[in-house]
N, C-alpha and C. Protein backbone atom coordinates (compact mmCIF):
# COMPACT_ATOMS: atom_id res chain seq x y z
N UNK A 1 24.08 11.36 -251.50
CA UNK A 1 24.64 12.70 -251.51
C UNK A 1 23.53 13.76 -251.60
N UNK A 2 22.59 13.55 -252.50
CA UNK A 2 21.49 14.49 -252.65
C UNK A 2 20.60 14.45 -251.42
N UNK A 3 20.37 13.26 -250.86
CA UNK A 3 19.56 13.12 -249.65
C UNK A 3 20.18 13.87 -248.48
N UNK A 4 21.49 13.79 -248.32
CA UNK A 4 22.18 14.52 -247.26
C UNK A 4 22.00 16.02 -247.41
N UNK A 5 22.03 16.50 -248.65
CA UNK A 5 21.85 17.93 -248.91
C UNK A 5 20.44 18.37 -248.53
N UNK A 6 19.44 17.57 -248.86
CA UNK A 6 18.06 17.89 -248.51
C UNK A 6 17.85 17.86 -247.00
N UNK A 7 18.45 16.89 -246.34
CA UNK A 7 18.32 16.80 -244.88
C UNK A 7 18.97 18.01 -244.22
N UNK A 8 20.15 18.39 -244.71
CA UNK A 8 20.83 19.56 -244.16
C UNK A 8 20.00 20.83 -244.36
N UNK A 9 19.43 21.00 -245.54
CA UNK A 9 18.58 22.17 -245.81
C UNK A 9 17.33 22.16 -244.92
N UNK A 10 16.75 20.98 -244.74
CA UNK A 10 15.56 20.86 -243.91
C UNK A 10 15.87 21.21 -242.45
N UNK A 11 16.97 20.70 -241.94
CA UNK A 11 17.37 21.00 -240.56
C UNK A 11 17.66 22.49 -240.41
N UNK A 12 18.33 23.06 -241.39
CA UNK A 12 18.63 24.49 -241.35
C UNK A 12 17.33 25.31 -241.34
N UNK A 13 16.36 24.91 -242.12
CA UNK A 13 15.07 25.60 -242.16
C UNK A 13 14.36 25.51 -240.81
N UNK A 14 14.39 24.32 -240.20
CA UNK A 14 13.76 24.14 -238.89
C UNK A 14 14.45 25.02 -237.84
N UNK A 15 15.77 25.07 -237.87
CA UNK A 15 16.53 25.87 -236.91
C UNK A 15 16.20 27.36 -237.09
N UNK A 16 16.13 27.82 -238.33
CA UNK A 16 15.83 29.24 -238.59
C UNK A 16 14.45 29.60 -238.04
N UNK A 17 13.45 28.78 -238.31
CA UNK A 17 12.10 29.07 -237.80
C UNK A 17 12.03 28.96 -236.28
N UNK A 18 12.77 28.03 -235.71
CA UNK A 18 12.80 27.92 -234.25
C UNK A 18 13.44 29.16 -233.63
N UNK A 19 14.49 29.66 -234.26
CA UNK A 19 15.12 30.90 -233.79
C UNK A 19 14.12 32.05 -233.83
N UNK A 20 13.37 32.17 -234.94
CA UNK A 20 12.37 33.24 -235.06
C UNK A 20 11.30 33.11 -233.98
N UNK A 21 10.85 31.90 -233.73
CA UNK A 21 9.83 31.69 -232.71
C UNK A 21 10.35 32.07 -231.33
N UNK A 22 11.57 31.63 -231.00
CA UNK A 22 12.15 31.98 -229.70
C UNK A 22 12.33 33.49 -229.56
N UNK A 23 12.79 34.14 -230.61
CA UNK A 23 12.96 35.60 -230.58
C UNK A 23 11.61 36.30 -230.37
N UNK A 24 10.58 35.84 -231.08
CA UNK A 24 9.26 36.44 -230.94
C UNK A 24 8.68 36.24 -229.54
N UNK A 25 8.88 35.04 -228.99
CA UNK A 25 8.41 34.79 -227.62
C UNK A 25 9.11 35.73 -226.65
N UNK A 26 10.43 35.89 -226.80
CA UNK A 26 11.17 36.80 -225.93
C UNK A 26 10.69 38.23 -226.05
N UNK A 27 10.46 38.68 -227.29
CA UNK A 27 9.97 40.04 -227.51
C UNK A 27 8.58 40.21 -226.90
N UNK A 28 7.72 39.22 -227.08
CA UNK A 28 6.37 39.29 -226.51
C UNK A 28 6.42 39.39 -225.00
N UNK A 29 7.23 38.54 -224.37
CA UNK A 29 7.32 38.54 -222.90
C UNK A 29 7.83 39.88 -222.38
N UNK A 30 8.85 40.42 -223.03
CA UNK A 30 9.41 41.71 -222.60
C UNK A 30 8.38 42.82 -222.79
N UNK A 31 7.72 42.84 -223.94
CA UNK A 31 6.70 43.86 -224.20
C UNK A 31 5.52 43.75 -223.25
N UNK A 32 5.05 42.52 -223.03
CA UNK A 32 3.92 42.31 -222.12
C UNK A 32 4.28 42.75 -220.70
N UNK A 33 5.48 42.40 -220.26
CA UNK A 33 5.92 42.80 -218.91
C UNK A 33 5.99 44.31 -218.77
N UNK A 34 6.47 44.96 -219.81
CA UNK A 34 6.56 46.43 -219.76
C UNK A 34 5.18 47.07 -219.72
N UNK A 35 4.27 46.59 -220.56
CA UNK A 35 2.91 47.16 -220.58
C UNK A 35 2.20 46.87 -219.26
N UNK A 36 2.33 45.65 -218.77
CA UNK A 36 1.70 45.30 -217.49
C UNK A 36 2.27 46.12 -216.34
N UNK A 37 3.59 46.29 -216.33
CA UNK A 37 4.22 47.11 -215.29
C UNK A 37 3.76 48.55 -215.36
N UNK A 38 3.66 49.08 -216.58
CA UNK A 38 3.19 50.47 -216.73
C UNK A 38 1.74 50.59 -216.28
N UNK A 39 0.91 49.60 -216.60
CA UNK A 39 -0.49 49.62 -216.16
C UNK A 39 -0.56 49.62 -214.64
N UNK A 40 0.22 48.76 -214.00
CA UNK A 40 0.23 48.72 -212.52
C UNK A 40 0.77 50.01 -211.94
N UNK A 41 1.73 50.62 -212.61
CA UNK A 41 2.29 51.89 -212.17
C UNK A 41 1.22 52.99 -212.23
N UNK A 42 0.46 53.03 -213.31
CA UNK A 42 -0.63 54.00 -213.44
C UNK A 42 -1.70 53.73 -212.38
N UNK A 43 -2.00 52.45 -212.16
CA UNK A 43 -3.01 52.06 -211.18
C UNK A 43 -2.60 52.48 -209.77
N UNK A 44 -1.30 52.50 -209.50
CA UNK A 44 -0.80 52.92 -208.19
C UNK A 44 -0.65 54.44 -208.10
N UNK A 45 -1.21 55.15 -209.03
CA UNK A 45 -1.23 56.62 -209.06
C UNK A 45 0.16 57.23 -209.17
N UNK A 46 0.99 56.65 -210.02
CA UNK A 46 2.31 57.16 -210.38
C UNK A 46 3.25 57.28 -209.18
N UNK A 47 3.17 56.34 -208.27
CA UNK A 47 4.07 56.33 -207.11
C UNK A 47 5.28 55.45 -207.41
N UNK A 48 6.45 55.93 -207.05
CA UNK A 48 7.68 55.20 -207.31
C UNK A 48 8.06 54.24 -206.19
N UNK A 49 7.29 54.16 -205.14
CA UNK A 49 7.71 53.39 -203.97
C UNK A 49 7.29 51.93 -203.99
N UNK A 50 6.62 51.47 -205.04
CA UNK A 50 6.18 50.08 -205.10
C UNK A 50 7.26 49.23 -205.77
N UNK A 51 7.93 48.40 -204.98
CA UNK A 51 9.00 47.57 -205.54
C UNK A 51 8.44 46.35 -206.26
N UNK A 52 7.19 45.97 -206.01
CA UNK A 52 6.61 44.81 -206.68
C UNK A 52 6.56 45.04 -208.19
N UNK A 53 6.26 46.24 -208.62
CA UNK A 53 6.20 46.55 -210.04
C UNK A 53 7.59 46.39 -210.66
N UNK A 54 8.59 46.90 -209.98
CA UNK A 54 9.97 46.77 -210.46
C UNK A 54 10.39 45.31 -210.57
N UNK A 55 10.05 44.54 -209.59
CA UNK A 55 10.42 43.13 -209.57
C UNK A 55 9.72 42.38 -210.70
N UNK A 56 8.45 42.66 -210.92
CA UNK A 56 7.72 41.98 -211.99
C UNK A 56 8.28 42.33 -213.36
N UNK A 57 8.62 43.59 -213.57
CA UNK A 57 9.23 43.99 -214.85
C UNK A 57 10.58 43.31 -215.02
N UNK A 58 11.37 43.28 -213.97
CA UNK A 58 12.69 42.64 -214.05
C UNK A 58 12.57 41.15 -214.33
N UNK A 59 11.59 40.49 -213.71
CA UNK A 59 11.38 39.08 -213.98
C UNK A 59 10.99 38.85 -215.44
N UNK A 60 10.13 39.71 -215.97
CA UNK A 60 9.74 39.61 -217.37
C UNK A 60 10.93 39.83 -218.30
N UNK A 61 11.77 40.81 -217.97
CA UNK A 61 12.98 41.04 -218.77
C UNK A 61 13.91 39.84 -218.74
N UNK A 62 14.09 39.27 -217.56
CA UNK A 62 14.98 38.11 -217.44
C UNK A 62 14.45 36.93 -218.24
N UNK A 63 13.16 36.67 -218.15
CA UNK A 63 12.58 35.55 -218.88
C UNK A 63 12.64 35.78 -220.39
N UNK A 64 12.33 37.00 -220.82
CA UNK A 64 12.41 37.32 -222.24
C UNK A 64 13.83 37.18 -222.78
N UNK A 65 14.80 37.63 -222.00
CA UNK A 65 16.20 37.49 -222.42
C UNK A 65 16.63 36.03 -222.47
N UNK A 66 16.07 35.19 -221.62
CA UNK A 66 16.40 33.77 -221.67
C UNK A 66 15.94 33.16 -223.00
N UNK A 67 14.75 33.52 -223.45
CA UNK A 67 14.27 33.03 -224.74
C UNK A 67 15.14 33.54 -225.88
N UNK A 68 15.48 34.82 -225.82
CA UNK A 68 16.31 35.38 -226.87
C UNK A 68 17.71 34.77 -226.86
N UNK A 69 18.22 34.45 -225.68
CA UNK A 69 19.51 33.78 -225.57
C UNK A 69 19.44 32.37 -226.17
N UNK A 70 18.33 31.70 -225.96
CA UNK A 70 18.13 30.39 -226.58
C UNK A 70 18.19 30.48 -228.10
N UNK A 71 17.61 31.54 -228.66
CA UNK A 71 17.68 31.75 -230.10
C UNK A 71 19.10 31.99 -230.56
N UNK A 72 19.87 32.73 -229.78
CA UNK A 72 21.27 32.99 -230.15
C UNK A 72 22.11 31.71 -230.08
N UNK A 73 21.83 30.88 -229.11
CA UNK A 73 22.57 29.62 -229.01
C UNK A 73 22.25 28.74 -230.23
N UNK A 74 21.00 28.70 -230.61
CA UNK A 74 20.64 27.93 -231.81
C UNK A 74 21.27 28.52 -233.07
N UNK A 75 21.44 29.82 -233.07
CA UNK A 75 22.03 30.48 -234.24
C UNK A 75 23.47 30.01 -234.48
N UNK A 76 24.12 29.49 -233.44
CA UNK A 76 25.49 29.01 -233.61
C UNK A 76 25.55 27.83 -234.60
N UNK A 77 24.45 27.14 -234.76
CA UNK A 77 24.40 26.03 -235.72
C UNK A 77 24.57 26.55 -237.15
N UNK A 78 24.09 27.75 -237.41
CA UNK A 78 24.08 28.29 -238.76
C UNK A 78 25.33 29.08 -239.13
N UNK A 79 26.20 29.31 -238.16
CA UNK A 79 27.37 30.16 -238.38
C UNK A 79 28.34 29.46 -239.33
N UNK A 80 28.86 30.23 -240.29
CA UNK A 80 29.78 29.67 -241.28
C UNK A 80 31.18 30.28 -241.22
N UNK A 81 31.32 31.52 -240.76
CA UNK A 81 32.63 32.17 -240.76
C UNK A 81 33.05 32.55 -239.35
N UNK A 82 34.33 32.84 -239.19
CA UNK A 82 34.87 33.22 -237.89
C UNK A 82 34.34 34.58 -237.45
N UNK A 83 34.14 35.50 -238.38
CA UNK A 83 33.59 36.82 -238.02
C UNK A 83 32.19 36.68 -237.44
N UNK A 84 31.38 35.80 -238.03
CA UNK A 84 30.04 35.57 -237.50
C UNK A 84 30.11 34.97 -236.10
N UNK A 85 31.06 34.10 -235.87
CA UNK A 85 31.23 33.49 -234.54
C UNK A 85 31.59 34.56 -233.52
N UNK A 86 32.47 35.48 -233.88
CA UNK A 86 32.87 36.55 -232.95
C UNK A 86 31.69 37.44 -232.59
N UNK A 87 30.91 37.83 -233.60
CA UNK A 87 29.75 38.69 -233.34
C UNK A 87 28.74 37.95 -232.48
N UNK A 88 28.48 36.70 -232.81
CA UNK A 88 27.53 35.90 -232.05
C UNK A 88 28.00 35.70 -230.61
N UNK A 89 29.28 35.44 -230.43
CA UNK A 89 29.83 35.28 -229.08
C UNK A 89 29.67 36.56 -228.26
N UNK A 90 29.92 37.70 -228.89
CA UNK A 90 29.76 38.98 -228.19
C UNK A 90 28.31 39.19 -227.78
N UNK A 91 27.37 38.86 -228.66
CA UNK A 91 25.94 39.01 -228.34
C UNK A 91 25.56 38.09 -227.19
N UNK A 92 26.03 36.86 -227.23
CA UNK A 92 25.71 35.91 -226.16
C UNK A 92 26.29 36.38 -224.83
N UNK A 93 27.52 36.85 -224.83
CA UNK A 93 28.15 37.33 -223.59
C UNK A 93 27.37 38.52 -223.03
N UNK A 94 26.98 39.46 -223.89
CA UNK A 94 26.22 40.62 -223.42
C UNK A 94 24.88 40.21 -222.84
N UNK A 95 24.20 39.27 -223.48
CA UNK A 95 22.89 38.84 -222.97
C UNK A 95 23.03 38.08 -221.66
N UNK A 96 24.08 37.29 -221.53
CA UNK A 96 24.31 36.58 -220.26
C UNK A 96 24.60 37.58 -219.15
N UNK A 97 25.42 38.59 -219.43
CA UNK A 97 25.72 39.62 -218.43
C UNK A 97 24.45 40.36 -218.03
N UNK A 98 23.63 40.73 -219.02
CA UNK A 98 22.36 41.40 -218.71
C UNK A 98 21.47 40.53 -217.83
N UNK A 99 21.41 39.25 -218.15
CA UNK A 99 20.58 38.34 -217.36
C UNK A 99 21.08 38.26 -215.92
N UNK A 100 22.40 38.16 -215.72
CA UNK A 100 22.94 38.12 -214.37
C UNK A 100 22.67 39.42 -213.62
N UNK A 101 22.81 40.54 -214.28
CA UNK A 101 22.55 41.83 -213.63
C UNK A 101 21.08 41.94 -213.22
N UNK A 102 20.19 41.50 -214.10
CA UNK A 102 18.76 41.56 -213.77
C UNK A 102 18.44 40.63 -212.61
N UNK A 103 18.99 39.42 -212.60
CA UNK A 103 18.75 38.51 -211.48
C UNK A 103 19.32 39.07 -210.19
N UNK A 104 20.47 39.71 -210.26
CA UNK A 104 21.07 40.33 -209.07
C UNK A 104 20.16 41.45 -208.56
N UNK A 105 19.63 42.26 -209.48
CA UNK A 105 18.75 43.35 -209.07
C UNK A 105 17.47 42.81 -208.44
N UNK A 106 16.92 41.74 -209.01
CA UNK A 106 15.71 41.14 -208.44
C UNK A 106 15.98 40.67 -207.02
N UNK A 107 17.08 39.96 -206.82
CA UNK A 107 17.36 39.45 -205.48
C UNK A 107 17.64 40.57 -204.49
N UNK A 108 18.32 41.63 -204.93
CA UNK A 108 18.58 42.74 -204.01
C UNK A 108 17.29 43.50 -203.68
N UNK A 109 16.40 43.64 -204.66
CA UNK A 109 15.12 44.30 -204.39
C UNK A 109 14.28 43.47 -203.43
N UNK A 110 14.26 42.15 -203.63
CA UNK A 110 13.50 41.29 -202.73
C UNK A 110 14.07 41.34 -201.32
N UNK A 111 15.39 41.33 -201.21
CA UNK A 111 16.04 41.40 -199.90
C UNK A 111 15.73 42.73 -199.22
N UNK A 112 15.81 43.82 -199.98
CA UNK A 112 15.52 45.14 -199.42
C UNK A 112 14.06 45.24 -199.00
N UNK A 113 13.16 44.70 -199.81
CA UNK A 113 11.74 44.71 -199.48
C UNK A 113 11.47 43.90 -198.22
N UNK A 114 12.16 42.77 -198.08
CA UNK A 114 12.00 41.94 -196.89
C UNK A 114 12.49 42.66 -195.64
N UNK A 115 13.61 43.38 -195.75
CA UNK A 115 14.13 44.14 -194.61
C UNK A 115 13.15 45.23 -194.19
N UNK A 116 12.54 45.90 -195.15
CA UNK A 116 11.57 46.96 -194.85
C UNK A 116 10.37 46.37 -194.13
N UNK A 117 9.88 45.23 -194.60
CA UNK A 117 8.73 44.59 -193.95
C UNK A 117 9.06 44.16 -192.53
N UNK A 118 10.26 43.60 -192.32
CA UNK A 118 10.66 43.20 -190.98
C UNK A 118 10.76 44.40 -190.06
N UNK A 119 11.28 45.50 -190.57
CA UNK A 119 11.39 46.72 -189.78
C UNK A 119 10.01 47.24 -189.40
N UNK A 120 9.09 47.20 -190.35
CA UNK A 120 7.72 47.66 -190.06
C UNK A 120 7.05 46.75 -189.04
N UNK A 121 7.28 45.44 -189.15
CA UNK A 121 6.69 44.50 -188.20
C UNK A 121 7.24 44.72 -186.79
N UNK A 122 8.55 45.02 -186.68
CA UNK A 122 9.14 45.30 -185.37
C UNK A 122 8.55 46.57 -184.77
N UNK A 123 8.35 47.59 -185.62
CA UNK A 123 7.76 48.83 -185.12
C UNK A 123 6.34 48.61 -184.64
N UNK A 124 5.57 47.84 -185.40
CA UNK A 124 4.19 47.55 -184.99
C UNK A 124 4.16 46.74 -183.71
N UNK A 125 5.08 45.81 -183.57
CA UNK A 125 5.14 45.00 -182.34
C UNK A 125 5.50 45.86 -181.15
N UNK A 126 6.43 46.79 -181.33
CA UNK A 126 6.82 47.66 -180.21
C UNK A 126 5.70 48.62 -179.85
N UNK A 127 4.93 49.07 -180.83
CA UNK A 127 3.78 49.94 -180.54
C UNK A 127 2.70 49.18 -179.77
N UNK A 128 2.49 47.91 -180.10
CA UNK A 128 1.50 47.10 -179.40
C UNK A 128 1.93 46.87 -177.95
N UNK A 129 3.24 46.70 -177.72
CA UNK A 129 3.74 46.48 -176.36
C UNK A 129 3.56 47.73 -175.51
N UNK A 130 3.70 48.91 -176.14
CA UNK A 130 3.56 50.17 -175.41
C UNK A 130 2.13 50.40 -174.97
N UNK A 131 1.18 49.90 -175.74
CA UNK A 131 -0.24 50.08 -175.39
C UNK A 131 -0.59 49.18 -174.26
């Protein structure tokens, strides 16, 4: 009986520290992506037309949210009351929705960027034919 109590406490301690580590990794990735994106934005002389910066920031946000979502999933192990489950479920749903929105934005930006490049290549090809 006492051994089971110690094992349960030990597992709970491991889960808590793992949650903290996952949360910190997510925060670091999001912060690093934001600083790196801002640095690239300044390097590009404050131009808003570079979609690569947007895509890189969005990828960093998505990855950071995945780590934070992993922490929330682990947190379900520690939940004791129904109110905590409701709050945790709401947080998980919001993070999943944010992740899907960010992935959708990344794919739409990549698609739009690809269309622009194809259009530019067609224009260059037509100019070469005219010469």
